[in-house]
Structures are given as C-alpha cells and as structure tokens.
Amino acid sequence: IIRVETGGDGYRRALFAASPRLGSGHLLAAVDVGTNDGPWVRPDGFRKLNGVLRYSQGSARSGFSVTGMFYDATWDSTDQVPLRAVQSGAISRFGFVDDTDGGSSHRHSLVAAWQGGGSRSLTRAEGFFSDYAMNLFSNFSYFLADPVNGDQFEQADDRNVFGWLGEWNRAGTLFDRPTNNT
C-alpha cells in the first residue's frame, strides 16, 4: 500500500505498508510520515515519523512474533495568545508572542511473544521494552514573573518501561463442569 495525501496549511502525509511472506512467516512493515503547519502566522512545523516492523510465524496456538514500533515528532507551538493583544490589533488571532515555544517527543518499543501448546493446554510468554521522552517548552505568562528573561519553562519526561508476562493455561473438568486453569 502506498498512500500520499496533501492539503492546505502545509499538510502532507505519506503511508507505505506491506505484509509479504518471508521464509515460513510474515513480515509486516509500515511507515507513516507527515507534516502540518496549521493556519498560524508562525507555522507549527509539525513533523512526525511513525512506523511498525513485525515478523511472525505460526498460529495463535503455536508460534512467535517480534515487533518493533517507533514514533518521533517535533513541533513549534503558537500556544495561547493574550486577548488584549488580539483586540488591540497587535497580533492576529492566529498570531504568536513567543517564537521559542514547541517540543519534541519519541516512543520506541520492542515486543517479543511466543505461544505453544497441545490440545488442552497453552503456554505463553511475552516481553516488552519501551523508551519514551517528551520535551515541551511553554510560556503562559510571557514576562509577568521575569520581565527581563520571560517566563518560559520546560516540561520534560523521560522514561523506560519494561515487563514480562508468563502464562500457562490448561482446560479440564471439575464435577463434570468445564474449567480453564491459568
């Protein structure tokens, strides 16, 4: 699949996706890239790159998969503007006061899963790791608290998340009633 879109205010998007057989499994690959400036006097400059890559083999009863996912984005932010500045004509309602507001964010993940079993049982294991970060620069009061340097501040978030799940399931009966033990 290849899909390309374009529109007003700097909107551009392209999607590339395929899912061919590879060896005895399947490969899933997709990349989505996009830009958007919005209607603002100072364009948003939003840029994103988003994608997934997965290799899987087998079935829901017996097989495995490895999946990588990523998202990266950057943007400039117009933020809120003072009503008095718009009403006085100093800036338009799509204008800006601080041209250094904006941010960036990313999320990268890796997931591996395996399952196998017989006619009455299933064993499953899954592990994952995710790296996430965001930096956001905002200025809500401009020069209220610091008339010389301005009041811009940064919100930063940086985290890694990981985990593992192991599960064993067995079908059976108890007092002639079907059961499923995990």
N, C-alpha and C. Protein backbone atom coordinates (compact mmCIF):
# COMPACT_ATOMS: atom_id res chain seq x y z
N ILE A 1 0.86 -1.18 0.00
CA ILE A 1 0.00 0.00 0.00
C ILE A 1 0.89 1.23 0.00
N ILE A 2 0.59 2.13 -0.86
CA ILE A 2 1.23 3.45 -0.86
C ILE A 2 0.11 4.47 -0.94
N ARG A 3 0.10 5.39 0.00
CA ARG A 3 -0.93 6.42 0.02
C ARG A 3 -0.26 7.75 0.30
N VAL A 4 -0.55 8.74 -0.53
CA VAL A 4 0.02 10.08 -0.38
C VAL A 4 -1.13 11.08 -0.31
N GLU A 5 -1.09 11.97 0.67
CA GLU A 5 -2.12 12.99 0.84
C GLU A 5 -1.47 14.36 0.94
N THR A 6 -2.19 15.36 0.52
CA THR A 6 -1.74 16.73 0.65
C THR A 6 -2.95 17.63 0.89
N GLY A 7 -2.73 18.74 1.54
CA GLY A 7 -3.84 19.64 1.83
C GLY A 7 -3.33 21.03 2.15
N GLY A 8 -4.22 21.84 2.64
CA GLY A 8 -3.86 23.21 2.98
C GLY A 8 -3.02 23.30 4.24
N ASP A 9 -2.45 24.46 4.46
CA ASP A 9 -1.68 24.76 5.66
C ASP A 9 -0.50 23.83 5.87
N GLY A 10 0.12 23.42 4.77
CA GLY A 10 1.33 22.59 4.88
C GLY A 10 1.08 21.15 5.25
N TYR A 11 -0.15 20.67 5.10
CA TYR A 11 -0.45 19.28 5.43
C TYR A 11 0.06 18.36 4.34
N ARG A 12 0.91 17.41 4.74
CA ARG A 12 1.43 16.39 3.83
C ARG A 12 1.50 15.09 4.63
N ARG A 13 1.15 13.98 3.96
CA ARG A 13 1.23 12.68 4.63
C ARG A 13 1.50 11.62 3.59
N ALA A 14 2.36 10.67 3.96
CA ALA A 14 2.63 9.53 3.10
C ALA A 14 2.67 8.27 3.96
N LEU A 15 2.01 7.22 3.48
CA LEU A 15 1.96 5.94 4.17
C LEU A 15 2.45 4.87 3.22
N PHE A 16 3.38 4.07 3.70
CA PHE A 16 3.91 2.94 2.95
C PHE A 16 3.73 1.71 3.83
N ALA A 17 3.08 0.66 3.31
CA ALA A 17 2.84 -0.54 4.11
C ALA A 17 2.88 -1.77 3.21
N ALA A 18 3.41 -2.85 3.77
CA ALA A 18 3.47 -4.13 3.05
C ALA A 18 3.46 -5.26 4.07
N SER A 19 2.98 -6.43 3.64
CA SER A 19 2.95 -7.61 4.50
C SER A 19 3.25 -8.86 3.67
N PRO A 20 4.48 -8.99 3.22
CA PRO A 20 4.83 -10.15 2.40
C PRO A 20 5.16 -11.38 3.25
N ARG A 21 5.07 -12.55 2.64
CA ARG A 21 5.58 -13.77 3.28
C ARG A 21 7.10 -13.66 3.27
N LEU A 22 7.71 -14.11 4.35
CA LEU A 22 9.16 -14.12 4.45
C LEU A 22 9.56 -15.42 5.10
N GLY A 23 10.19 -16.30 4.35
CA GLY A 23 10.52 -17.63 4.86
C GLY A 23 9.23 -18.35 5.20
N SER A 24 9.13 -18.90 6.40
CA SER A 24 7.91 -19.59 6.81
C SER A 24 7.00 -18.69 7.65
N GLY A 25 7.21 -17.38 7.58
CA GLY A 25 6.39 -16.45 8.35
C GLY A 25 5.94 -15.27 7.51
N HIS A 26 5.54 -14.22 8.21
CA HIS A 26 5.09 -13.00 7.56
C HIS A 26 5.85 -11.80 8.13
N LEU A 27 6.12 -10.85 7.28
CA LEU A 27 6.72 -9.60 7.69
C LEU A 27 5.66 -8.51 7.50
N LEU A 28 5.46 -7.70 8.51
CA LEU A 28 4.58 -6.54 8.40
C LEU A 28 5.47 -5.32 8.56
N ALA A 29 5.40 -4.41 7.61
CA ALA A 29 6.20 -3.19 7.67
C ALA A 29 5.33 -2.02 7.25
N ALA A 30 5.36 -0.95 8.02
CA ALA A 30 4.61 0.25 7.68
C ALA A 30 5.35 1.47 8.20
N VAL A 31 5.37 2.51 7.38
CA VAL A 31 5.97 3.79 7.76
C VAL A 31 4.97 4.88 7.39
N ASP A 32 4.74 5.80 8.32
CA ASP A 32 3.81 6.91 8.13
C ASP A 32 4.59 8.19 8.43
N VAL A 33 4.74 9.07 7.46
CA VAL A 33 5.43 10.34 7.66
C VAL A 33 4.44 11.47 7.39
N GLY A 34 4.56 12.53 8.15
CA GLY A 34 3.62 13.63 7.95
C GLY A 34 4.15 14.96 8.42
N THR A 35 3.57 16.01 7.87
CA THR A 35 3.87 17.38 8.26
C THR A 35 2.56 18.16 8.30
N ASN A 36 2.55 19.21 9.10
CA ASN A 36 1.39 20.09 9.15
C ASN A 36 1.82 21.41 9.78
N ASP A 37 1.44 22.52 9.17
CA ASP A 37 1.80 23.83 9.70
C ASP A 37 0.63 24.53 10.37
N GLY A 38 -0.60 24.10 10.09
CA GLY A 38 -1.75 24.76 10.68
C GLY A 38 -1.97 26.15 10.10
N PRO A 39 -2.98 26.86 10.56
CA PRO A 39 -3.32 28.17 10.00
C PRO A 39 -2.54 29.34 10.63
N TRP A 40 -1.53 29.04 11.42
CA TRP A 40 -0.88 30.04 12.26
C TRP A 40 0.07 30.96 11.49
N VAL A 41 0.24 32.17 12.01
CA VAL A 41 1.21 33.12 11.43
C VAL A 41 2.61 32.51 11.51
N ARG A 42 2.93 31.93 12.63
CA ARG A 42 4.18 31.17 12.78
C ARG A 42 3.82 29.70 12.59
N PRO A 43 4.21 29.08 11.48
CA PRO A 43 3.79 27.70 11.22
C PRO A 43 4.18 26.75 12.35
N ASP A 44 3.31 25.75 12.60
CA ASP A 44 3.58 24.75 13.63
C ASP A 44 4.84 23.95 13.34
N GLY A 45 5.13 23.73 12.08
CA GLY A 45 6.31 22.92 11.75
C GLY A 45 6.21 21.51 12.31
N PHE A 46 4.99 20.99 12.45
CA PHE A 46 4.81 19.64 13.00
C PHE A 46 5.36 18.62 12.01
N ARG A 47 6.25 17.77 12.50
CA ARG A 47 6.85 16.72 11.68
C ARG A 47 6.78 15.43 12.47
N LYS A 48 6.30 14.35 11.83
CA LYS A 48 6.23 13.07 12.54
C LYS A 48 6.71 11.95 11.64
N LEU A 49 7.25 10.94 12.30
CA LEU A 49 7.66 9.71 11.66
C LEU A 49 7.15 8.59 12.55
N ASN A 50 6.37 7.68 11.99
CA ASN A 50 5.70 6.66 12.76
C ASN A 50 5.83 5.35 12.00
N GLY A 51 6.12 4.25 12.70
CA GLY A 51 6.24 3.00 11.97
C GLY A 51 6.17 1.76 12.83
N VAL A 52 6.04 0.64 12.13
CA VAL A 52 6.00 -0.67 12.78
C VAL A 52 6.70 -1.67 11.88
N LEU A 53 7.40 -2.61 12.51
CA LEU A 53 8.03 -3.72 11.81
C LEU A 53 7.80 -4.96 12.65
N ARG A 54 7.14 -5.97 12.06
CA ARG A 54 6.82 -7.20 12.81
C ARG A 54 7.11 -8.42 11.95
N TYR A 55 7.74 -9.39 12.58
CA TYR A 55 7.90 -10.69 11.95
C TYR A 55 7.15 -11.69 12.80
N SER A 56 6.28 -12.49 12.17
CA SER A 56 5.52 -13.50 12.92
C SER A 56 5.55 -14.81 12.16
N GLN A 57 5.45 -15.87 12.95
CA GLN A 57 5.49 -17.21 12.39
C GLN A 57 4.57 -18.09 13.22
N GLY A 58 3.82 -18.96 12.56
CA GLY A 58 2.95 -19.89 13.27
C GLY A 58 1.53 -19.40 13.35
N SER A 59 0.83 -19.84 14.41
CA SER A 59 -0.58 -19.53 14.59
C SER A 59 -0.82 -19.01 16.00
N ALA A 60 -2.07 -18.75 16.32
CA ALA A 60 -2.42 -18.29 17.67
C ALA A 60 -2.18 -19.38 18.72
N ARG A 61 -2.10 -20.65 18.31
CA ARG A 61 -1.83 -21.75 19.24
C ARG A 61 -0.35 -22.06 19.37
N SER A 62 0.39 -21.82 18.31
CA SER A 62 1.81 -22.20 18.32
C SER A 62 2.59 -21.31 17.37
N GLY A 63 3.36 -20.40 17.93
CA GLY A 63 4.14 -19.50 17.08
C GLY A 63 4.82 -18.42 17.89
N PHE A 64 5.36 -17.46 17.17
CA PHE A 64 6.03 -16.34 17.84
C PHE A 64 5.94 -15.10 16.96
N SER A 65 6.22 -13.97 17.58
CA SER A 65 6.31 -12.71 16.85
C SER A 65 7.29 -11.79 17.55
N VAL A 66 7.93 -10.95 16.76
CA VAL A 66 8.81 -9.90 17.27
C VAL A 66 8.35 -8.61 16.59
N THR A 67 8.07 -7.59 17.39
CA THR A 67 7.51 -6.34 16.87
C THR A 67 8.33 -5.16 17.36
N GLY A 68 8.69 -4.28 16.45
CA GLY A 68 9.32 -3.01 16.78
C GLY A 68 8.41 -1.88 16.33
N MET A 69 8.22 -0.89 17.19
CA MET A 69 7.38 0.26 16.85
C MET A 69 8.13 1.54 17.20
N PHE A 70 7.90 2.59 16.41
CA PHE A 70 8.56 3.86 16.71
C PHE A 70 7.67 5.03 16.34
N TYR A 71 7.87 6.12 17.06
CA TYR A 71 7.18 7.38 16.80
C TYR A 71 8.15 8.50 17.18
N ASP A 72 8.36 9.42 16.29
CA ASP A 72 9.19 10.60 16.55
C ASP A 72 8.44 11.82 16.02
N ALA A 73 8.41 12.91 16.79
CA ALA A 73 7.72 14.13 16.34
C ALA A 73 8.40 15.36 16.93
N THR A 74 8.33 16.43 16.16
CA THR A 74 8.79 17.75 16.63
C THR A 74 7.75 18.78 16.18
N TRP A 75 7.65 19.88 16.91
CA TRP A 75 6.71 20.92 16.53
C TRP A 75 7.10 22.24 17.17
N ASP A 76 6.65 23.30 16.54
CA ASP A 76 6.70 24.64 17.10
C ASP A 76 5.28 24.93 17.58
N SER A 77 5.16 25.69 18.65
CA SER A 77 3.84 25.90 19.22
C SER A 77 3.50 27.38 19.26
N THR A 78 2.33 27.71 18.78
CA THR A 78 1.86 29.09 18.88
C THR A 78 1.42 29.37 20.30
N ASP A 79 0.91 28.35 20.99
CA ASP A 79 0.44 28.48 22.37
C ASP A 79 -0.75 29.43 22.43
N GLN A 80 -1.17 29.78 23.61
CA GLN A 80 -2.26 30.72 23.75
C GLN A 80 -1.73 32.13 23.51
N VAL A 81 -2.64 33.04 23.16
CA VAL A 81 -2.24 34.44 22.96
C VAL A 81 -3.15 35.32 23.81
N PRO A 82 -2.63 36.44 24.28
CA PRO A 82 -3.44 37.34 25.11
C PRO A 82 -4.59 37.97 24.30
N LEU A 83 -5.80 37.92 24.85
CA LEU A 83 -6.96 38.51 24.19
C LEU A 83 -6.74 40.00 23.93
N ARG A 84 -6.13 40.69 24.88
CA ARG A 84 -5.91 42.13 24.72
C ARG A 84 -5.00 42.43 23.53
N ALA A 85 -4.05 41.53 23.25
CA ALA A 85 -3.16 41.74 22.09
C ALA A 85 -3.92 41.55 20.78
N VAL A 86 -4.85 40.59 20.76
CA VAL A 86 -5.66 40.37 19.56
C VAL A 86 -6.64 41.53 19.39
N GLN A 87 -7.32 41.94 20.47
CA GLN A 87 -8.31 43.02 20.39
C GLN A 87 -7.68 44.35 20.02
N SER A 88 -6.43 44.58 20.43
CA SER A 88 -5.76 45.84 20.10
C SER A 88 -5.18 45.83 18.69
N GLY A 89 -5.15 44.64 18.05
CA GLY A 89 -4.58 44.56 16.71
C GLY A 89 -3.08 44.33 16.70
N ALA A 90 -2.48 44.17 17.88
CA ALA A 90 -1.02 43.93 17.94
C ALA A 90 -0.66 42.61 17.25
N ILE A 91 -1.52 41.60 17.39
CA ILE A 91 -1.33 40.32 16.70
C ILE A 91 -2.70 39.83 16.24
N SER A 92 -2.71 38.95 15.24
CA SER A 92 -3.97 38.36 14.80
C SER A 92 -4.33 37.22 15.74
N ARG A 93 -5.54 36.69 15.60
CA ARG A 93 -5.92 35.58 16.47
C ARG A 93 -5.13 34.32 16.14
N PHE A 94 -4.45 34.30 15.01
CA PHE A 94 -3.55 33.20 14.65
C PHE A 94 -2.09 33.60 14.86
N GLY A 95 -1.87 34.69 15.58
CA GLY A 95 -0.52 35.19 15.82
C GLY A 95 0.16 34.49 16.98
N PHE A 96 1.29 35.04 17.40
CA PHE A 96 2.07 34.45 18.49
C PHE A 96 2.80 35.54 19.24
N VAL A 97 3.24 35.19 20.43
CA VAL A 97 4.03 36.11 21.24
C VAL A 97 5.44 35.58 21.40
N ASP A 98 5.58 34.30 21.73
CA ASP A 98 6.89 33.70 21.98
C ASP A 98 7.20 32.68 20.88
N ASP A 99 8.20 32.99 20.06
CA ASP A 99 8.51 32.09 18.93
C ASP A 99 9.46 30.96 19.30
N THR A 100 9.71 30.77 20.61
CA THR A 100 10.57 29.66 21.02
C THR A 100 9.79 28.52 21.68
N ASP A 101 8.46 28.63 21.75
CA ASP A 101 7.65 27.54 22.30
C ASP A 101 7.58 26.38 21.30
N GLY A 102 7.49 25.17 21.82
CA GLY A 102 7.39 23.99 20.95
C GLY A 102 7.82 22.76 21.71
N GLY A 103 8.12 21.70 20.96
CA GLY A 103 8.53 20.49 21.65
C GLY A 103 8.94 19.37 20.73
N SER A 104 9.24 18.25 21.38
CA SER A 104 9.60 17.04 20.65
C SER A 104 9.21 15.85 21.53
N SER A 105 8.94 14.73 20.87
CA SER A 105 8.57 13.53 21.61
C SER A 105 8.96 12.31 20.79
N HIS A 106 9.28 11.24 21.50
CA HIS A 106 9.52 9.96 20.82
C HIS A 106 9.07 8.80 21.70
N ARG A 107 8.73 7.72 21.03
CA ARG A 107 8.39 6.47 21.71
C ARG A 107 8.89 5.34 20.83
N HIS A 108 9.75 4.50 21.38
CA HIS A 108 10.30 3.35 20.66
C HIS A 108 10.03 2.11 21.50
N SER A 109 9.48 1.08 20.89
CA SER A 109 9.10 -0.12 21.64
C SER A 109 9.53 -1.38 20.91
N LEU A 110 9.80 -2.41 21.71
CA LEU A 110 10.12 -3.73 21.18
C LEU A 110 9.32 -4.75 21.99
N VAL A 111 8.62 -5.65 21.30
CA VAL A 111 7.79 -6.66 21.94
C VAL A 111 8.10 -8.01 21.31
N ALA A 112 8.33 -9.03 22.14
CA ALA A 112 8.52 -10.39 21.65
C ALA A 112 7.50 -11.28 22.34
N ALA A 113 6.86 -12.16 21.55
CA ALA A 113 5.83 -13.05 22.12
C ALA A 113 6.00 -14.44 21.54
N TRP A 114 5.72 -15.46 22.39
CA TRP A 114 5.78 -16.85 21.98
C TRP A 114 4.62 -17.58 22.62
N GLN A 115 4.01 -18.51 21.90
CA GLN A 115 2.98 -19.36 22.46
C GLN A 115 3.09 -20.75 21.86
N GLY A 116 2.76 -21.74 22.67
CA GLY A 116 2.79 -23.12 22.20
C GLY A 116 1.98 -24.00 23.14
N GLY A 117 1.48 -25.09 22.63
CA GLY A 117 0.71 -25.97 23.48
C GLY A 117 0.12 -27.14 22.72
N GLY A 118 -0.60 -27.95 23.47
CA GLY A 118 -1.27 -29.12 22.91
C GLY A 118 -2.75 -28.87 22.77
N SER A 119 -3.52 -29.95 22.71
CA SER A 119 -4.97 -29.83 22.50
C SER A 119 -5.69 -29.26 23.73
N ARG A 120 -5.11 -29.43 24.93
CA ARG A 120 -5.80 -28.97 26.15
C ARG A 120 -5.01 -27.94 26.95
N SER A 121 -3.84 -27.52 26.45
CA SER A 121 -3.05 -26.56 27.21
C SER A 121 -2.37 -25.56 26.28
N LEU A 122 -2.02 -24.44 26.86
CA LEU A 122 -1.34 -23.38 26.11
C LEU A 122 -0.36 -22.68 27.05
N THR A 123 0.86 -22.54 26.62
CA THR A 123 1.87 -21.79 27.36
C THR A 123 2.20 -20.55 26.54
N ARG A 124 2.28 -19.42 27.22
CA ARG A 124 2.51 -18.16 26.52
C ARG A 124 3.52 -17.32 27.30
N ALA A 125 4.43 -16.67 26.57
CA ALA A 125 5.39 -15.75 27.19
C ALA A 125 5.50 -14.51 26.31
N GLU A 126 5.59 -13.37 26.97
CA GLU A 126 5.70 -12.11 26.24
C GLU A 126 6.58 -11.16 27.04
N GLY A 127 7.46 -10.47 26.36
CA GLY A 127 8.30 -9.46 26.99
C GLY A 127 8.26 -8.18 26.18
N PHE A 128 8.41 -7.03 26.84
CA PHE A 128 8.38 -5.76 26.12
C PHE A 128 9.33 -4.76 26.75
N PHE A 129 9.75 -3.80 25.94
CA PHE A 129 10.57 -2.67 26.38
C PHE A 129 10.11 -1.45 25.62
N SER A 130 9.96 -0.32 26.31
CA SER A 130 9.55 0.92 25.66
C SER A 130 10.38 2.08 26.20
N ASP A 131 10.87 2.91 25.30
CA ASP A 131 11.60 4.12 25.63
C ASP A 131 10.76 5.31 25.20
N TYR A 132 10.48 6.23 26.12
CA TYR A 132 9.62 7.37 25.83
C TYR A 132 10.26 8.64 26.37
N ALA A 133 10.15 9.71 25.61
CA ALA A 133 10.62 11.01 26.08
C ALA A 133 9.79 12.11 25.44
N MET A 134 9.62 13.21 26.18
CA MET A 134 8.95 14.39 25.66
C MET A 134 9.60 15.62 26.28
N ASN A 135 9.81 16.62 25.47
CA ASN A 135 10.27 17.93 25.94
C ASN A 135 9.29 18.95 25.38
N LEU A 136 8.69 19.73 26.27
CA LEU A 136 7.70 20.72 25.86
C LEU A 136 8.08 22.06 26.46
N PHE A 137 8.21 23.06 25.61
CA PHE A 137 8.55 24.41 26.06
C PHE A 137 7.30 25.28 25.95
N SER A 138 6.87 25.85 27.08
CA SER A 138 5.65 26.66 27.14
C SER A 138 5.94 27.98 27.83
N ASN A 139 5.09 28.97 27.55
CA ASN A 139 5.23 30.27 28.16
C ASN A 139 3.83 30.86 28.34
N PHE A 140 3.21 30.60 29.47
CA PHE A 140 1.83 31.02 29.68
C PHE A 140 1.70 32.48 30.11
N SER A 141 2.70 33.02 30.78
CA SER A 141 2.58 34.38 31.30
C SER A 141 3.55 35.35 30.64
N TYR A 142 4.40 34.86 29.75
CA TYR A 142 5.34 35.66 28.97
C TYR A 142 6.33 36.41 29.86
N PHE A 143 6.08 37.65 30.24
CA PHE A 143 7.05 38.41 31.03
C PHE A 143 6.46 38.88 32.36
N LEU A 144 5.52 38.12 32.90
CA LEU A 144 4.86 38.51 34.14
C LEU A 144 5.77 38.35 35.35
N ALA A 145 6.38 37.18 35.52
CA ALA A 145 7.22 36.90 36.68
C ALA A 145 8.67 37.35 36.46
N ASP A 146 9.14 37.29 35.23
CA ASP A 146 10.52 37.70 34.92
C ASP A 146 10.49 38.66 33.74
N PRO A 147 10.41 39.97 34.02
CA PRO A 147 10.27 40.96 32.95
C PRO A 147 11.49 41.04 32.01
N VAL A 148 12.62 40.51 32.43
CA VAL A 148 13.83 40.58 31.61
C VAL A 148 13.96 39.36 30.70
N ASN A 149 13.87 38.16 31.28
CA ASN A 149 14.12 36.92 30.53
C ASN A 149 12.86 36.21 30.05
N GLY A 150 11.70 36.60 30.55
CA GLY A 150 10.47 35.90 30.19
C GLY A 150 10.21 34.74 31.12
N ASP A 151 9.05 34.12 30.96
CA ASP A 151 8.62 33.10 31.91
C ASP A 151 8.54 31.70 31.30
N GLN A 152 9.21 31.48 30.20
CA GLN A 152 9.14 30.16 29.57
C GLN A 152 9.69 29.08 30.49
N PHE A 153 9.06 27.90 30.43
CA PHE A 153 9.54 26.77 31.21
C PHE A 153 9.48 25.52 30.35
N GLU A 154 10.23 24.51 30.79
CA GLU A 154 10.28 23.25 30.07
C GLU A 154 9.63 22.15 30.91
N GLN A 155 8.79 21.35 30.27
CA GLN A 155 8.26 20.14 30.88
C GLN A 155 8.98 18.99 30.19
N ALA A 156 9.67 18.19 30.97
CA ALA A 156 10.44 17.08 30.41
C ALA A 156 9.98 15.77 31.03
N ASP A 157 9.90 14.77 30.20
CA ASP A 157 9.54 13.43 30.66
C ASP A 157 10.43 12.46 29.92
N ASP A 158 11.04 11.56 30.64
CA ASP A 158 11.94 10.58 30.03
C ASP A 158 11.81 9.30 30.84
N ARG A 159 11.32 8.24 30.21
CA ARG A 159 11.11 7.00 30.97
C ARG A 159 11.33 5.78 30.09
N ASN A 160 11.70 4.72 30.74
CA ASN A 160 11.81 3.40 30.13
C ASN A 160 10.89 2.46 30.89
N VAL A 161 10.12 1.68 30.14
CA VAL A 161 9.17 0.75 30.74
C VAL A 161 9.47 -0.62 30.16
N PHE A 162 9.50 -1.62 31.03
CA PHE A 162 9.73 -2.97 30.54
C PHE A 162 8.93 -3.95 31.39
N GLY A 163 8.67 -5.12 30.81
CA GLY A 163 7.91 -6.10 31.56
C GLY A 163 7.92 -7.45 30.88
N TRP A 164 7.40 -8.42 31.60
CA TRP A 164 7.33 -9.79 31.11
C TRP A 164 6.05 -10.42 31.62
N LEU A 165 5.43 -11.25 30.79
CA LEU A 165 4.24 -11.97 31.17
C LEU A 165 4.45 -13.44 30.82
N GLY A 166 4.20 -14.31 31.77
CA GLY A 166 4.25 -15.74 31.53
C GLY A 166 2.93 -16.35 31.96
N GLU A 167 2.39 -17.26 31.16
CA GLU A 167 1.08 -17.81 31.46
C GLU A 167 0.99 -19.24 30.96
N TRP A 168 0.39 -20.08 31.78
CA TRP A 168 0.12 -21.46 31.39
C TRP A 168 -1.36 -21.72 31.60
N ASN A 169 -2.03 -22.20 30.59
CA ASN A 169 -3.47 -22.47 30.61
C ASN A 169 -3.73 -23.93 30.36
N ARG A 170 -4.63 -24.51 31.13
CA ARG A 170 -4.98 -25.91 30.91
C ARG A 170 -6.49 -26.08 31.04
N ALA A 171 -7.10 -26.69 30.03
CA ALA A 171 -8.54 -26.98 30.05
C ALA A 171 -8.77 -28.30 30.77
N GLY A 172 -9.86 -28.37 31.51
CA GLY A 172 -10.18 -29.61 32.23
C GLY A 172 -11.63 -29.62 32.65
N THR A 173 -11.93 -30.49 33.61
CA THR A 173 -13.28 -30.55 34.17
C THR A 173 -13.19 -30.68 35.67
N LEU A 174 -14.20 -30.19 36.35
CA LEU A 174 -14.33 -30.30 37.79
C LEU A 174 -15.80 -30.55 38.08
N PHE A 175 -16.11 -31.72 38.67
CA PHE A 175 -17.51 -32.12 38.91
C PHE A 175 -18.32 -32.07 37.61
N ASP A 176 -17.74 -32.59 36.57
CA ASP A 176 -18.36 -32.64 35.24
C ASP A 176 -18.67 -31.26 34.66
N ARG A 177 -18.00 -30.25 35.13
CA ARG A 177 -18.14 -28.88 34.58
C ARG A 177 -16.82 -28.50 33.92
N PRO A 178 -16.89 -27.86 32.75
CA PRO A 178 -15.63 -27.46 32.10
C PRO A 178 -14.92 -26.37 32.91
N THR A 179 -13.62 -26.47 32.98
CA THR A 179 -12.81 -25.48 33.68
C THR A 179 -11.65 -25.06 32.80
N ASN A 180 -11.10 -23.92 33.15
CA ASN A 180 -9.89 -23.44 32.49
C ASN A 180 -8.99 -22.92 33.60
N ASN A 181 -7.88 -23.58 33.84
CA ASN A 181 -6.95 -23.20 34.89
C ASN A 181 -5.80 -22.41 34.28
N THR A 182 -5.47 -21.30 34.90
CA THR A 182 -4.35 -20.46 34.42
C THR A 182 -3.33 -20.34 35.52
